[in-house]
């Protein structure tokens, strides 16, 4: 029994590579946006005021690893500015 594969014009070409790259970039942008929203939400739920400068810095970051670090810190920091400071003893 043979398998039928759907192939669109441009499959296996630079066009397909560009489409796949665009999809991955879109997924990363969504991950970044969600991580930013999560950081700001944790701070809000904890009752921590977020100055515009902090909101802008968090919102403009596009590094998932850095955002992950800030999300971890958002759970314990005493102020929004503390997100960006290395913990003492580190």
PDB file of N, CA and C in Angstrom:
ATOM      1  N   UNK A   1       0.847  -1.176   0.000  1.00  0.00           N
ATOM      2  CA  UNK A   1       0.000   0.000   0.000  1.00  0.00           C
ATOM      3  C   UNK A   1       0.893   1.240   0.000  1.00  0.00           C
ATOM      4  N   UNK A   2       0.622   2.138  -0.886  1.00  0.00           N
ATOM      5  CA  UNK A   2       1.439   3.344  -0.967  1.00  0.00           C
ATOM      6  C   UNK A   2       0.842   4.453  -0.109  1.00  0.00           C
ATOM      7  N   UNK A   3       1.716   5.334   0.314  1.00  0.00           N
ATOM      8  CA  UNK A   3       1.299   6.473   1.129  1.00  0.00           C
ATOM      9  C   UNK A   3       1.214   7.700   0.240  1.00  0.00           C
ATOM     10  N   UNK A   4       0.132   8.392   0.359  1.00  0.00           N
ATOM     11  CA  UNK A   4      -0.054   9.614  -0.414  1.00  0.00           C
ATOM     12  C   UNK A   4       0.429  10.792   0.415  1.00  0.00           C
ATOM     13  N   UNK A   5       1.350  11.557  -0.117  1.00  0.00           N
ATOM     14  CA  UNK A   5       1.853  12.736   0.572  1.00  0.00           C
ATOM     15  C   UNK A   5       1.398  13.975  -0.179  1.00  0.00           C
ATOM     16  N   UNK A   6       0.836  14.873   0.545  1.00  0.00           N
ATOM     17  CA  UNK A   6       0.421  16.140  -0.054  1.00  0.00           C
ATOM     18  C   UNK A   6       1.656  17.008  -0.191  1.00  0.00           C
ATOM     19  N   UNK A   7       1.874  17.471  -1.380  1.00  0.00           N
ATOM     20  CA  UNK A   7       3.004  18.365  -1.624  1.00  0.00           C
ATOM     21  C   UNK A   7       2.458  19.617  -2.289  1.00  0.00           C
ATOM     22  N   UNK A   8       2.864  20.744  -1.768  1.00  0.00           N
ATOM     23  CA  UNK A   8       2.437  21.985  -2.375  1.00  0.00           C
ATOM     24  C   UNK A   8       3.581  22.513  -3.229  1.00  0.00           C
ATOM     25  N   UNK A   9       3.268  23.350  -4.176  1.00  0.00           N
ATOM     26  CA  UNK A   9       4.346  23.912  -4.996  1.00  0.00           C
ATOM     27  C   UNK A   9       5.359  24.621  -4.099  1.00  0.00           C
ATOM     28  N   UNK A  10       6.595  24.288  -4.274  1.00  0.00           N
ATOM     29  CA  UNK A  10       7.636  24.906  -3.464  1.00  0.00           C
ATOM     30  C   UNK A  10       8.057  24.041  -2.296  1.00  0.00           C
ATOM     31  N   UNK A  11       7.434  22.874  -2.141  1.00  0.00           N
ATOM     32  CA  UNK A  11       7.782  21.981  -1.036  1.00  0.00           C
ATOM     33  C   UNK A  11       9.228  21.527  -1.187  1.00  0.00           C
ATOM     34  N   UNK A  12       9.975  21.600  -0.078  1.00  0.00           N
ATOM     35  CA  UNK A  12      11.381  21.208  -0.095  1.00  0.00           C
ATOM     36  C   UNK A  12      12.291  22.262  -0.683  1.00  0.00           C
ATOM     37  N   UNK A  13      11.801  23.454  -0.810  1.00  0.00           N
ATOM     38  CA  UNK A  13      12.590  24.527  -1.421  1.00  0.00           C
ATOM     39  C   UNK A  13      12.818  25.655  -0.422  1.00  0.00           C
ATOM     40  N   UNK A  14      13.442  26.674  -0.894  1.00  0.00           N
ATOM     41  CA  UNK A  14      13.675  27.872  -0.082  1.00  0.00           C
ATOM     42  C   UNK A  14      12.347  28.464   0.380  1.00  0.00           C
ATOM     43  N   UNK A  15      11.325  28.352  -0.438  1.00  0.00           N
ATOM     44  CA  UNK A  15      10.003  28.875  -0.070  1.00  0.00           C
ATOM     45  C   UNK A  15       9.491  28.165   1.172  1.00  0.00           C
ATOM     46  N   UNK A  16       9.573  26.828   1.168  1.00  0.00           N
ATOM     47  CA  UNK A  16       9.122  26.071   2.332  1.00  0.00           C
ATOM     48  C   UNK A  16       9.965  26.417   3.557  1.00  0.00           C
ATOM     49  N   UNK A  17      11.269  26.512   3.381  1.00  0.00           N
ATOM     50  CA  UNK A  17      12.146  26.878   4.493  1.00  0.00           C
ATOM     51  C   UNK A  17      11.750  28.226   5.083  1.00  0.00           C
ATOM     52  N   UNK A  18      11.429  29.175   4.220  1.00  0.00           N
ATOM     53  CA  UNK A  18      11.021  30.500   4.691  1.00  0.00           C
ATOM     54  C   UNK A  18       9.707  30.425   5.459  1.00  0.00           C
ATOM     55  N   UNK A  19       8.786  29.606   4.971  1.00  0.00           N
ATOM     56  CA  UNK A  19       7.501  29.450   5.657  1.00  0.00           C
ATOM     57  C   UNK A  19       7.720  28.842   7.037  1.00  0.00           C
ATOM     58  N   UNK A  20       8.520  27.774   7.094  1.00  0.00           N
ATOM     59  CA  UNK A  20       8.783  27.110   8.370  1.00  0.00           C
ATOM     60  C   UNK A  20       9.530  28.027   9.336  1.00  0.00           C
ATOM     61  N   UNK A  21      10.472  28.799   8.808  1.00  0.00           N
ATOM     62  CA  UNK A  21      11.202  29.747   9.647  1.00  0.00           C
ATOM     63  C   UNK A  21      10.254  30.810  10.191  1.00  0.00           C
ATOM     64  N   UNK A  22       9.346  31.279   9.363  1.00  0.00           N
ATOM     65  CA  UNK A  22       8.360  32.268   9.795  1.00  0.00           C
ATOM     66  C   UNK A  22       7.444  31.732  10.877  1.00  0.00           C
ATOM     67  N   UNK A  23       7.051  30.473  10.728  1.00  0.00           N
ATOM     68  CA  UNK A  23       6.201  29.856  11.756  1.00  0.00           C
ATOM     69  C   UNK A  23       6.934  29.772  13.086  1.00  0.00           C
ATOM     70  N   UNK A  24       8.193  29.343  13.050  1.00  0.00           N
ATOM     71  CA  UNK A  24       8.983  29.234  14.285  1.00  0.00           C
ATOM     72  C   UNK A  24       9.184  30.603  14.920  1.00  0.00           C
ATOM     73  N   UNK A  25       9.455  31.602  14.106  1.00  0.00           N
ATOM     74  CA  UNK A  25       9.618  32.957  14.620  1.00  0.00           C
ATOM     75  C   UNK A  25       8.321  33.426  15.272  1.00  0.00           C
ATOM     76  N   UNK A  26       7.198  33.112  14.651  1.00  0.00           N
ATOM     77  CA  UNK A  26       5.898  33.472  15.224  1.00  0.00           C
ATOM     78  C   UNK A  26       5.675  32.798  16.566  1.00  0.00           C
ATOM     79  N   UNK A  27       6.052  31.514  16.657  1.00  0.00           N
ATOM     80  CA  UNK A  27       5.912  30.793  17.927  1.00  0.00           C
ATOM     81  C   UNK A  27       6.772  31.436  19.011  1.00  0.00           C
ATOM     82  N   UNK A  28       8.000  31.806  18.656  1.00  0.00           N
ATOM     83  CA  UNK A  28       8.881  32.459  19.632  1.00  0.00           C
ATOM     84  C   UNK A  28       8.318  33.790  20.092  1.00  0.00           C
ATOM     85  N   UNK A  29       7.741  34.539  19.174  1.00  0.00           N
ATOM     86  CA  UNK A  29       7.142  35.823  19.540  1.00  0.00           C
ATOM     87  C   UNK A  29       5.984  35.618  20.509  1.00  0.00           C
ATOM     88  N   UNK A  30       5.210  34.568  20.302  1.00  0.00           N
ATOM     89  CA  UNK A  30       4.099  34.267  21.214  1.00  0.00           C
ATOM     90  C   UNK A  30       4.651  33.880  22.579  1.00  0.00           C
ATOM     91  N   UNK A  31       5.688  33.039  22.612  1.00  0.00           N
ATOM     92  CA  UNK A  31       6.300  32.643  23.888  1.00  0.00           C
ATOM     93  C   UNK A  31       6.807  33.860  24.650  1.00  0.00           C
ATOM     94  N   UNK A  32       7.447  34.767  23.940  1.00  0.00           N
ATOM     95  CA  UNK A  32       7.969  35.983  24.571  1.00  0.00           C
ATOM     96  C   UNK A  32       6.826  36.812  25.131  1.00  0.00           C
ATOM     97  N   UNK A  33       5.787  37.024  24.345  1.00  0.00           N
ATOM     98  CA  UNK A  33       4.647  37.838  24.779  1.00  0.00           C
ATOM     99  C   UNK A  33       3.982  37.236  26.017  1.00  0.00           C
ATOM    100  N   UNK A  34       3.834  35.917  26.024  1.00  0.00           N
ATOM    101  CA  UNK A  34       3.219  35.244  27.172  1.00  0.00           C
ATOM    102  C   UNK A  34       4.110  35.382  28.402  1.00  0.00           C
ATOM    103  N   UNK A  35       5.403  35.218  28.234  1.00  0.00           N
ATOM    104  CA  UNK A  35       6.325  35.331  29.369  1.00  0.00           C
ATOM    105  C   UNK A  35       6.284  36.741  29.956  1.00  0.00           C
ATOM    106  N   UNK A  36       6.257  37.758  29.091  1.00  0.00           N
ATOM    107  CA  UNK A  36       6.160  39.145  29.551  1.00  0.00           C
ATOM    108  C   UNK A  36       4.878  39.338  30.354  1.00  0.00           C
ATOM    109  N   UNK A  37       3.767  38.858  29.803  1.00  0.00           N
ATOM    110  CA  UNK A  37       2.483  38.988  30.501  1.00  0.00           C
ATOM    111  C   UNK A  37       2.509  38.261  31.841  1.00  0.00           C
ATOM    112  N   UNK A  38       3.167  37.108  31.888  1.00  0.00           N
ATOM    113  CA  UNK A  38       3.258  36.350  33.135  1.00  0.00           C
ATOM    114  C   UNK A  38       4.044  37.108  34.205  1.00  0.00           C
ATOM    115  N   UNK A  39       5.146  37.701  33.817  1.00  0.00           N
ATOM    116  CA  UNK A  39       5.964  38.472  34.767  1.00  0.00           C
ATOM    117  C   UNK A  39       5.137  39.605  35.359  1.00  0.00           C
ATOM    118  N   UNK A  40       4.500  40.371  34.493  1.00  0.00           N
ATOM    119  CA  UNK A  40       3.716  41.513  34.956  1.00  0.00           C
ATOM    120  C   UNK A  40       2.520  41.063  35.794  1.00  0.00           C
ATOM    121  N   UNK A  41       1.942  39.926  35.442  1.00  0.00           N
ATOM    122  CA  UNK A  41       0.807  39.410  36.213  1.00  0.00           C
ATOM    123  C   UNK A  41       1.236  38.983  37.613  1.00  0.00           C
ATOM    124  N   UNK A  42       2.355  38.274  37.711  1.00  0.00           N
ATOM    125  CA  UNK A  42       2.838  37.852  39.035  1.00  0.00           C
ATOM    126  C   UNK A  42       3.054  39.062  39.924  1.00  0.00           C
ATOM    127  N   UNK A  43       3.682  40.086  39.375  1.00  0.00           N
ATOM    128  CA  UNK A  43       3.916  41.297  40.168  1.00  0.00           C
ATOM    129  C   UNK A  43       2.592  41.935  40.585  1.00  0.00           C
ATOM    130  N   UNK A  44       1.648  42.013  39.660  1.00  0.00           N
ATOM    131  CA  UNK A  44       0.348  42.621  39.962  1.00  0.00           C
ATOM    132  C   UNK A  44      -0.387  41.831  41.045  1.00  0.00           C
ATOM    133  N   UNK A  45      -0.420  40.507  40.908  1.00  0.00           N
ATOM    134  CA  UNK A  45      -1.116  39.665  41.881  1.00  0.00           C
ATOM    135  C   UNK A  45      -0.466  39.792  43.258  1.00  0.00           C
ATOM    136  N   UNK A  46       0.841  39.970  43.283  1.00  0.00           N
ATOM    137  CA  UNK A  46       1.544  40.130  44.556  1.00  0.00           C
ATOM    138  C   UNK A  46       1.383  41.539  45.129  1.00  0.00           C
ATOM    139  N   UNK A  47       0.732  42.421  44.387  1.00  0.00           N
ATOM    140  CA  UNK A  47       0.504  43.782  44.868  1.00  0.00           C
ATOM    141  C   UNK A  47       1.708  44.686  44.724  1.00  0.00           C
ATOM    142  N   UNK A  48       2.611  44.336  43.828  1.00  0.00           N
ATOM    143  CA  UNK A  48       3.819  45.130  43.611  1.00  0.00           C
ATOM    144  C   UNK A  48       3.569  46.106  42.473  1.00  0.00           C
ATOM    145  N   UNK A  49       3.781  47.376  42.758  1.00  0.00           N
ATOM    146  CA  UNK A  49       3.607  48.426  41.750  1.00  0.00           C
ATOM    147  C   UNK A  49       4.697  48.299  40.692  1.00  0.00           C
ATOM    148  N   UNK A  50       4.295  48.424  39.434  1.00  0.00           N
ATOM    149  CA  UNK A  50       5.239  48.307  38.326  1.00  0.00           C
ATOM    150  C   UNK A  50       5.361  49.663  37.639  1.00  0.00           C
ATOM    151  N   UNK A  51       6.484  50.350  37.863  1.00  0.00           N
ATOM    152  CA  UNK A  51       6.693  51.638  37.189  1.00  0.00           C
ATOM    153  C   UNK A  51       6.765  51.459  35.670  1.00  0.00           C
ATOM    154  N   UNK A  52       6.473  52.520  34.951  1.00  0.00           N
ATOM    155  CA  UNK A  52       6.500  52.464  33.490  1.00  0.00           C
ATOM    156  C   UNK A  52       7.853  52.009  32.956  1.00  0.00           C
ATOM    157  N   UNK A  53       8.946  52.450  33.586  1.00  0.00           N
ATOM    158  CA  UNK A  53      10.288  52.079  33.125  1.00  0.00           C
ATOM    159  C   UNK A  53      10.502  50.570  33.226  1.00  0.00           C
ATOM    160  N   UNK A  54      10.014  49.964  34.292  1.00  0.00           N
ATOM    161  CA  UNK A  54      10.144  48.513  34.463  1.00  0.00           C
ATOM    162  C   UNK A  54       9.263  47.798  33.444  1.00  0.00           C
ATOM    163  N   UNK A  55       8.031  48.259  33.292  1.00  0.00           N
ATOM    164  CA  UNK A  55       7.114  47.657  32.318  1.00  0.00           C
ATOM    165  C   UNK A  55       7.726  47.715  30.917  1.00  0.00           C
ATOM    166  N   UNK A  56       8.314  48.834  30.564  1.00  0.00           N
ATOM    167  CA  UNK A  56       8.925  48.994  29.244  1.00  0.00           C
ATOM    168  C   UNK A  56      10.130  48.067  29.080  1.00  0.00           C
ATOM    169  N   UNK A  57      10.959  47.960  30.097  1.00  0.00           N
ATOM    170  CA  UNK A  57      12.138  47.096  30.008  1.00  0.00           C
ATOM    171  C   UNK A  57      11.727  45.631  29.845  1.00  0.00           C
ATOM    172  N   UNK A  58      10.754  45.206  30.619  1.00  0.00           N
ATOM    173  CA  UNK A  58      10.275  43.827  30.519  1.00  0.00           C
ATOM    174  C   UNK A  58       9.625  43.604  29.154  1.00  0.00           C
ATOM    175  N   UNK A  59       8.788  44.523  28.730  1.00  0.00           N
ATOM    176  CA  UNK A  59       8.054  44.380  27.470  1.00  0.00           C
ATOM    177  C   UNK A  59       8.954  44.408  26.244  1.00  0.00           C
ATOM    178  N   UNK A  60      10.086  45.090  26.335  1.00  0.00           N
ATOM    179  CA  UNK A  60      10.966  45.204  25.178  1.00  0.00           C
ATOM    180  C   UNK A  60      12.008  44.088  25.111  1.00  0.00           C
ATOM    181  N   UNK A  61      12.081  43.250  26.118  1.00  0.00           N
ATOM    182  CA  UNK A  61      13.050  42.151  26.127  1.00  0.00           C
ATOM    183  C   UNK A  61      12.568  41.043  25.195  1.00  0.00           C
ATOM    184  N   UNK A  62      13.477  40.500  24.388  1.00  0.00           N
ATOM    185  CA  UNK A  62      13.108  39.412  23.486  1.00  0.00           C
ATOM    186  C   UNK A  62      13.958  38.157  23.715  1.00  0.00           C
ATOM    187  N   UNK A  63      14.562  38.073  24.898  1.00  0.00           N
ATOM    188  CA  UNK A  63      15.389  36.927  25.260  1.00  0.00           C
ATOM    189  C   UNK A  63      14.609  36.045  26.244  1.00  0.00           C
ATOM    190  N   UNK A  64      14.178  34.869  25.790  1.00  0.00           N
ATOM    191  CA  UNK A  64      13.361  33.997  26.629  1.00  0.00           C
ATOM    192  C   UNK A  64      14.080  33.575  27.907  1.00  0.00           C
ATOM    193  N   UNK A  65      15.379  33.396  27.841  1.00  0.00           N
ATOM    194  CA  UNK A  65      16.134  32.988  29.031  1.00  0.00           C
ATOM    195  C   UNK A  65      16.126  34.104  30.078  1.00  0.00           C
ATOM    196  N   UNK A  66      16.355  35.331  29.654  1.00  0.00           N
ATOM    197  CA  UNK A  66      16.322  36.474  30.573  1.00  0.00           C
ATOM    198  C   UNK A  66      14.918  36.631  31.148  1.00  0.00           C
ATOM    199  N   UNK A  67      13.912  36.526  30.292  1.00  0.00           N
ATOM    200  CA  UNK A  67      12.539  36.648  30.771  1.00  0.00           C
ATOM    201  C   UNK A  67      12.208  35.542  31.772  1.00  0.00           C
ATOM    202  N   UNK A  68      12.736  34.355  31.550  1.00  0.00           N
ATOM    203  CA  UNK A  68      12.535  33.259  32.491  1.00  0.00           C
ATOM    204  C   UNK A  68      13.149  33.562  33.849  1.00  0.00           C
ATOM    205  N   UNK A  69      14.329  34.153  33.838  1.00  0.00           N
ATOM    206  CA  UNK A  69      14.983  34.558  35.089  1.00  0.00           C
ATOM    207  C   UNK A  69      14.144  35.602  35.804  1.00  0.00           C
ATOM    208  N   UNK A  70      13.642  36.575  35.051  1.00  0.00           N
ATOM    209  CA  UNK A  70      12.821  37.631  35.662  1.00  0.00           C
ATOM    210  C   UNK A  70      11.518  37.063  36.197  1.00  0.00           C
ATOM    211  N   UNK A  71      10.945  36.076  35.501  1.00  0.00           N
ATOM    212  CA  UNK A  71       9.722  35.445  35.988  1.00  0.00           C
ATOM    213  C   UNK A  71       9.981  34.729  37.312  1.00  0.00           C
ATOM    214  N   UNK A  72      11.088  34.015  37.388  1.00  0.00           N
ATOM    215  CA  UNK A  72      11.454  33.350  38.647  1.00  0.00           C
ATOM    216  C   UNK A  72      11.611  34.369  39.773  1.00  0.00           C
ATOM    217  N   UNK A  73      12.259  35.478  39.478  1.00  0.00           N
ATOM    218  CA  UNK A  73      12.475  36.512  40.493  1.00  0.00           C
ATOM    219  C   UNK A  73      11.183  37.213  40.884  1.00  0.00           C
ATOM    220  N   UNK A  74      10.245  37.334  39.937  1.00  0.00           N
ATOM    221  CA  UNK A  74       8.982  38.034  40.203  1.00  0.00           C
ATOM    222  C   UNK A  74       8.230  37.394  41.367  1.00  0.00           C
ATOM    223  N   UNK A  75       8.473  36.137  41.610  1.00  0.00           N
ATOM    224  CA  UNK A  75       7.777  35.417  42.676  1.00  0.00           C
ATOM    225  C   UNK A  75       8.243  35.872  44.054  1.00  0.00           C
ATOM    226  N   UNK A  76       9.476  36.374  44.150  1.00  0.00           N
ATOM    227  CA  UNK A  76      10.037  36.673  45.473  1.00  0.00           C
ATOM    228  C   UNK A  76      10.495  38.106  45.692  1.00  0.00           C
ATOM    229  N   UNK A  77      10.618  38.910  44.639  1.00  0.00           N
ATOM    230  CA  UNK A  77      11.173  40.263  44.799  1.00  0.00           C
ATOM    231  C   UNK A  77      10.282  41.141  45.669  1.00  0.00           C
ATOM    232  N   UNK A  78      10.911  42.137  46.282  1.00  0.00           N
ATOM    233  CA  UNK A  78      10.172  43.084  47.110  1.00  0.00           C
ATOM    234  C   UNK A  78       9.675  44.279  46.333  1.00  0.00           C
ATOM    235  N   UNK A  79      10.319  44.564  45.191  1.00  0.00           N
ATOM    236  CA  UNK A  79       9.889  45.669  44.331  1.00  0.00           C
ATOM    237  C   UNK A  79      10.163  45.280  42.882  1.00  0.00           C
ATOM    238  N   UNK A  80       9.482  45.931  41.966  1.00  0.00           N
ATOM    239  CA  UNK A  80       9.640  45.606  40.553  1.00  0.00           C
ATOM    240  C   UNK A  80      11.074  45.842  40.085  1.00  0.00           C
ATOM    241  N   UNK A  81      11.736  46.855  40.624  1.00  0.00           N
ATOM    242  CA  UNK A  81      13.123  47.144  40.241  1.00  0.00           C
ATOM    243  C   UNK A  81      14.065  46.004  40.606  1.00  0.00           C
ATOM    244  N   UNK A  82      13.706  45.213  41.611  1.00  0.00           N
ATOM    245  CA  UNK A  82      14.543  44.108  42.041  1.00  0.00           C
ATOM    246  C   UNK A  82      14.624  42.979  41.010  1.00  0.00           C
ATOM    247  N   UNK A  83      13.749  42.985  40.008  1.00  0.00           N
ATOM    248  CA  UNK A  83      13.816  41.974  38.960  1.00  0.00           C
ATOM    249  C   UNK A  83      15.177  41.958  38.283  1.00  0.00           C
ATOM    250  N   UNK A  84      15.774  43.129  38.154  1.00  0.00           N
ATOM    251  CA  UNK A  84      16.976  43.293  37.349  1.00  0.00           C
ATOM    252  C   UNK A  84      18.267  43.164  38.148  1.00  0.00           C
ATOM    253  N   UNK A  85      18.155  43.005  39.441  1.00  0.00           N
ATOM    254  CA  UNK A  85      19.339  42.904  40.298  1.00  0.00           C
ATOM    255  C   UNK A  85      19.678  41.452  40.553  1.00  0.00           C
ATOM    256  N   UNK A  86      20.966  41.162  40.484  1.00  0.00           N
ATOM    257  CA  UNK A  86      21.416  39.813  40.821  1.00  0.00           C
ATOM    258  C   UNK A  86      21.187  39.579  42.307  1.00  0.00           C
ATOM    259  N   UNK A  87      20.667  38.423  42.671  1.00  0.00           N
ATOM    260  CA  UNK A  87      20.452  38.148  44.091  1.00  0.00           C
ATOM    261  C   UNK A  87      21.791  38.127  44.829  1.00  0.00           C
ATOM    262  N   UNK A  88      21.776  38.582  46.063  1.00  0.00           N
ATOM    263  CA  UNK A  88      23.016  38.572  46.850  1.00  0.00           C
ATOM    264  C   UNK A  88      23.404  37.140  47.121  1.00  0.00           C
ATOM    265  N   UNK A  89      24.708  36.907  47.108  1.00  0.00           N
ATOM    266  CA  UNK A  89      25.212  35.562  47.311  1.00  0.00           C
ATOM    267  C   UNK A  89      25.309  34.774  46.024  1.00  0.00           C
ATOM    268  N   UNK A  90      24.981  35.405  44.887  1.00  0.00           N
ATOM    269  CA  UNK A  90      25.059  34.688  43.603  1.00  0.00           C
ATOM    270  C   UNK A  90      26.345  35.003  42.888  1.00  0.00           C
TER     271      UNK A  90
END
